[in-house]
C-alpha atoms as a PDB file:
ATOM      1  CA  MET A   1     175.310  12.029 118.616  1.00  0.00           C
ATOM      2  CA  GLU A   2     176.356  14.666 121.620  1.00  0.00           C
ATOM      3  CA  THR A   3     172.656  16.033 121.247  1.00  0.00           C
ATOM      4  CA  LYS A   4     171.258  12.380 121.805  1.00  0.00           C
ATOM      5  CA  LYS A   5     173.556  12.004 124.897  1.00  0.00           C
ATOM      6  CA  GLN A   6     172.483  15.590 125.953  1.00  0.00           C
ATOM      7  CA  LYS A   7     169.146  14.494 125.664  1.00  0.00           C
ATOM      8  CA  THR A   8     169.620  11.265 127.632  1.00  0.00           C
ATOM      9  CA  TRP A   9     171.253  12.861 130.838  1.00  0.00           C
ATOM     10  CA  VAL A  10     168.777  15.623 130.891  1.00  0.00           C
ATOM     11  CA  ILE A  11     166.040  12.860 131.117  1.00  0.00           C
ATOM     12  CA  ILE A  12     167.806  11.171 133.586  1.00  0.00           C
ATOM     13  CA  ALA A  13     168.098  13.980 135.363  1.00  0.00           C
ATOM     14  CA  ILE A  14     164.546  14.532 135.818  1.00  0.00           C
ATOM     15  CA  ILE A  15     164.061  11.326 136.633  1.00  0.00           C
ATOM     16  CA  ILE A  16     166.343  11.508 139.753  1.00  0.00           C
ATOM     17  CA  LEU A  17     164.889  15.373 140.699  1.00  0.00           C
ATOM     18  CA  GLY A  18     161.313  13.467 140.380  1.00  0.00           C
ATOM     19  CA  ILE A  19     162.307  10.554 142.898  1.00  0.00           C
ATOM     20  CA  ILE A  20     163.673  13.192 145.399  1.00  0.00           C
ATOM     21  CA  ALA A  21     160.963  15.530 145.021  1.00  0.00           C
ATOM     22  CA  PHE A  22     158.683  12.296 145.991  1.00  0.00           C
ATOM     23  CA  LEU A  23     160.390  11.149 148.933  1.00  0.00           C
ATOM     24  CA  ILE A  24     161.294  13.941 150.577  1.00  0.00           C
ATOM     25  CA  PRO A  25     158.236  15.207 151.795  1.00  0.00           C
ATOM     26  CA  ASN A  26     157.392  11.556 153.408  1.00  0.00           C
ATOM     27  CA  GLN A  27     161.167  11.536 155.035  1.00  0.00           C
ATOM     28  CA  ILE A  28     160.352  14.506 156.662  1.00  0.00           C
ATOM     29  CA  ALA A  29     157.242  13.822 158.045  1.00  0.00           C
ATOM     30  CA  ALA A  30     158.305  10.258 159.090  1.00  0.00           C
ATOM     31  CA  GLN A  31     161.073  12.330 161.156  1.00  0.00           C
ATOM     32  CA  THR A  32     158.463  15.019 162.762  1.00  0.00           C
ATOM     33  CA  GLY A  33     157.058  11.910 164.839  1.00  0.00           C
ATOM     34  CA  ILE A  34     153.153  13.644 164.267  1.00  0.00           C
ATOM     35  CA  LYS A  35     151.100  11.104 162.563  1.00  0.00           C
ATOM     36  CA  ARG A  36     148.044  12.823 161.286  1.00  0.00           C
ATOM     37  CA  THR A  37     144.754  10.304 160.877  1.00  0.00           C
ATOM     38  CA  ASP A  38     141.515  12.267 158.979  1.00  0.00           C
ATOM     39  CA  LEU A  39     138.711  10.164 160.830  1.00  0.00           C
ATOM     40  CA  GLN A  40     135.565  12.177 158.718  1.00  0.00           C
ATOM     41  CA  LYS A  41     134.681  15.251 156.981  1.00  0.00           C
ATOM     42  CA  HIS A  42     130.958  16.549 155.896  1.00  0.00           C
ATOM     43  CA  ASN A  43     128.956  19.371 154.999  1.00  0.00           C
ATOM     44  CA  LEU A  44     127.307  21.041 157.928  1.00  0.00           C
ATOM     45  CA  SER A  45     123.714  22.762 157.729  1.00  0.00           C
ATOM     46  CA  ILE A  46     125.442  26.342 157.631  1.00  0.00           C
ATOM     47  CA  PRO A  47     126.171  27.421 153.972  1.00  0.00           C
ATOM     48  CA  GLY A  48     129.529  27.087 153.478  1.00  0.00           C
ATOM     49  CA  ARG A  49     130.718  25.575 156.293  1.00  0.00           C
ATOM     50  CA  GLU A  50     132.027  21.816 156.682  1.00  0.00           C
ATOM     51  CA  THR A  51     133.923  19.961 159.503  1.00  0.00           C
ATOM     52  CA  VAL A  52     136.800  17.795 160.215  1.00  0.00           C
ATOM     53  CA  GLN A  53     137.789  15.750 162.388  1.00  0.00           C
ATOM     54  CA  ALA A  54     141.018  14.118 162.760  1.00  0.00           C
ATOM     55  CA  LYS A  55     143.202  12.237 165.023  1.00  0.00           C
ATOM     56  CA  ILE A  56     147.140  13.509 165.776  1.00  0.00           C
ATOM     57  CA  ASP A  57     149.244  11.191 167.688  1.00  0.00           C
ATOM     58  CA  PHE A  58     152.707  12.705 168.859  1.00  0.00           C
ATOM     59  CA  ASP A  59     155.739  10.641 169.570  1.00  0.00           C
ATOM     60  CA  VAL A  60     157.602  11.215 172.396  1.00  0.00           C
ATOM     61  CA  HIS A  61     159.466  15.068 172.342  1.00  0.00           C
ATOM     62  CA  THR A  62     157.880  16.238 169.429  1.00  0.00           C
ATOM     63  CA  ALA A  63     156.141  19.324 168.576  1.00  0.00           C
ATOM     64  CA  PHE A  64     153.567  20.856 166.174  1.00  0.00           C
ATOM     65  CA  GLY A  65     154.375  24.339 164.868  1.00  0.00           C
ATOM     66  CA  LYS A  66     152.945  27.544 164.917  1.00  0.00           C
ATOM     67  CA  HIS A  67     150.008  27.214 162.375  1.00  0.00           C
ATOM     68  CA  SER A  68     146.008  28.307 162.153  1.00  0.00           C
ATOM     69  CA  HIS A  69     143.315  27.224 160.832  1.00  0.00           C
ATOM     70  CA  PRO A  70     140.262  29.113 158.638  1.00  0.00           C
ATOM     71  CA  GLY A  71     137.390  28.476 161.457  1.00  0.00           C
ATOM     72  CA  GLU A  72     137.719  26.980 165.306  1.00  0.00           C
ATOM     73  CA  GLU A  73     139.526  24.004 166.728  1.00  0.00           C
ATOM     74  CA  ILE A  74     138.411  22.128 169.415  1.00  0.00           C
ATOM     75  CA  ILE A  75     140.674  19.776 170.615  1.00  0.00           C
ATOM     76  CA  TYR A  76     140.140  16.650 172.859  1.00  0.00           C
ATOM     77  CA  VAL A  77     143.519  15.157 174.369  1.00  0.00           C
ATOM     78  CA  LEU A  78     142.892  11.396 174.069  1.00  0.00           C
ATOM     79  CA  GLU A  79     145.995  10.223 175.924  1.00  0.00           C
ATOM     80  CA  GLY A  80     149.623  11.407 177.431  1.00  0.00           C
ATOM     81  CA  SER A  81     149.486  15.377 177.935  1.00  0.00           C
ATOM     82  CA  LEU A  82     150.810  18.341 175.237  1.00  0.00           C
ATOM     83  CA  GLU A  83     151.175  21.405 175.744  1.00  0.00           C
ATOM     84  CA  TYR A  84     149.614  24.149 173.817  1.00  0.00           C
ATOM     85  CA  GLU A  85     150.833  27.797 172.853  1.00  0.00           C
ATOM     86  CA  VAL A  86     147.913  30.094 171.820  1.00  0.00           C
ATOM     87  CA  GLU A  87     148.697  33.321 170.589  1.00  0.00           C
ATOM     88  CA  GLY A  88     147.715  35.856 173.468  1.00  0.00           C
ATOM     89  CA  GLN A  89     147.261  33.455 176.354  1.00  0.00           C
ATOM     90  CA  ALA A  90     150.135  31.760 178.567  1.00  0.00           C
ATOM     91  CA  PRO A  91     150.731  28.207 177.555  1.00  0.00           C
ATOM     92  CA  ILE A  92     148.619  25.104 179.474  1.00  0.00           C
ATOM     93  CA  THR A  93     149.142  21.910 179.575  1.00  0.00           C
ATOM     94  CA  LEU A  94     146.120  19.334 179.217  1.00  0.00           C
ATOM     95  CA  LYS A  95     146.047  15.858 180.047  1.00  0.00           C
ATOM     96  CA  ALA A  96     143.844  12.867 178.546  1.00  0.00           C
ATOM     97  CA  GLY A  97     140.143  13.837 179.066  1.00  0.00           C
ATOM     98  CA  GLU A  98     140.731  17.405 178.762  1.00  0.00           C
ATOM     99  CA  VAL A  99     139.840  19.784 175.793  1.00  0.00           C
ATOM    100  CA  LEU A 100     140.583  23.192 174.366  1.00  0.00           C
ATOM    101  CA  PHE A 101     139.041  25.573 171.923  1.00  0.00           C
ATOM    102  CA  ILE A 102     140.931  27.719 169.644  1.00  0.00           C
ATOM    103  CA  PRO A 103     139.002  30.284 167.811  1.00  0.00           C
ATOM    104  CA  ALA A 104     139.282  31.142 164.045  1.00  0.00           C
ATOM    105  CA  GLY A 105     142.521  32.190 162.697  1.00  0.00           C
ATOM    106  CA  VAL A 106     144.589  32.095 165.861  1.00  0.00           C
ATOM    107  CA  ILE A 107     147.966  31.229 165.928  1.00  0.00           C
ATOM    108  CA  HIS A 108     148.853  28.019 167.985  1.00  0.00           C
ATOM    109  CA  SER A 109     151.439  25.278 168.062  1.00  0.00           C
ATOM    110  CA  ALA A 110     151.215  22.143 170.373  1.00  0.00           C
ATOM    111  CA  LYS A 111     153.957  19.493 171.495  1.00  0.00           C
ATOM    112  CA  ASN A 112     154.522  16.745 173.866  1.00  0.00           C
ATOM    113  CA  ASN A 113     157.607  17.777 176.339  1.00  0.00           C
ATOM    114  CA  THR A 114     157.273  13.483 177.946  1.00  0.00           C
ATOM    115  CA  ASN A 115     158.694  10.236 177.160  1.00  0.00           C
ATOM    116  CA  LEU A 116     155.295   8.905 176.897  1.00  0.00           C
ATOM    117  CA  LYS A 117     153.606   9.264 173.027  1.00  0.00           C
ATOM    118  CA  ALA A 118     150.413  11.516 172.969  1.00  0.00           C
ATOM    119  CA  SER A 119     147.252  12.076 170.809  1.00  0.00           C
ATOM    120  CA  GLU A 120     144.230  14.472 170.032  1.00  0.00           C
ATOM    121  CA  LEU A 121     140.993  14.008 168.629  1.00  0.00           C
ATOM    122  CA  ALA A 122     140.851  17.508 166.819  1.00  0.00           C
ATOM    123  CA  THR A 123     137.407  18.872 165.157  1.00  0.00           C
ATOM    124  CA  TYR A 124     137.525  21.641 162.777  1.00  0.00           C
ATOM    125  CA  ILE A 125     134.433  24.078 161.951  1.00  0.00           C
ATOM    126  CA  VAL A 126     136.215  25.698 158.570  1.00  0.00           C
ATOM    127  CA  GLU A 127     135.219  27.361 155.321  1.00  0.00           C
ATOM    128  CA  LYS A 128     134.510  24.904 152.893  1.00  0.00           C
ATOM    129  CA  GLY A 129     137.382  24.250 150.100  1.00  0.00           C
ATOM    130  CA  LYS A 130     139.830  26.122 152.525  1.00  0.00           C
ATOM    131  CA  PRO A 131     142.784  24.064 153.564  1.00  0.00           C
ATOM    132  CA  VAL A 132     142.167  22.975 156.957  1.00  0.00           C
ATOM    133  CA  LEU A 133     145.292  24.019 158.072  1.00  0.00           C
ATOM    134  CA  VAL A 134     148.166  27.487 157.510  1.00  0.00           C
ATOM    135  CA  MET A 135     151.544  26.780 158.700  1.00  0.00           C
ATOM    136  CA  LYS A 136     152.945  30.285 159.970  1.00  0.00           C
ATOM    137  CA  LYS A 137     156.604  30.956 160.286  1.00  0.00           C
END
């Protein structure tokens, strides 16, 4: 009888942990104030390369931490203004309509320091099959 109770508690614990594991990433994403919407993804005529395009929305006073990409990133600020820190360069603030090129593998970050929402259109030219985003510590 004791073994059956133990198995029941183990099953309940596994279910609870599964629910927590499912909900926590969504809660963290919701708290960051950054929303990424993938728009399109296509193979290029260059073997092993693809292009990925996404819209990234930043709530007021939010930041996207240090990261890199396995290919080039071309940024077009759609609305508001965003401050970019690119490894080896002084921070730069771009307003709507301005652009930025980030070479492959270069560590960078972006933040919205304003009281208004901001968004960018990011176009990545990356190695096919590799993750588009690599977070850094």
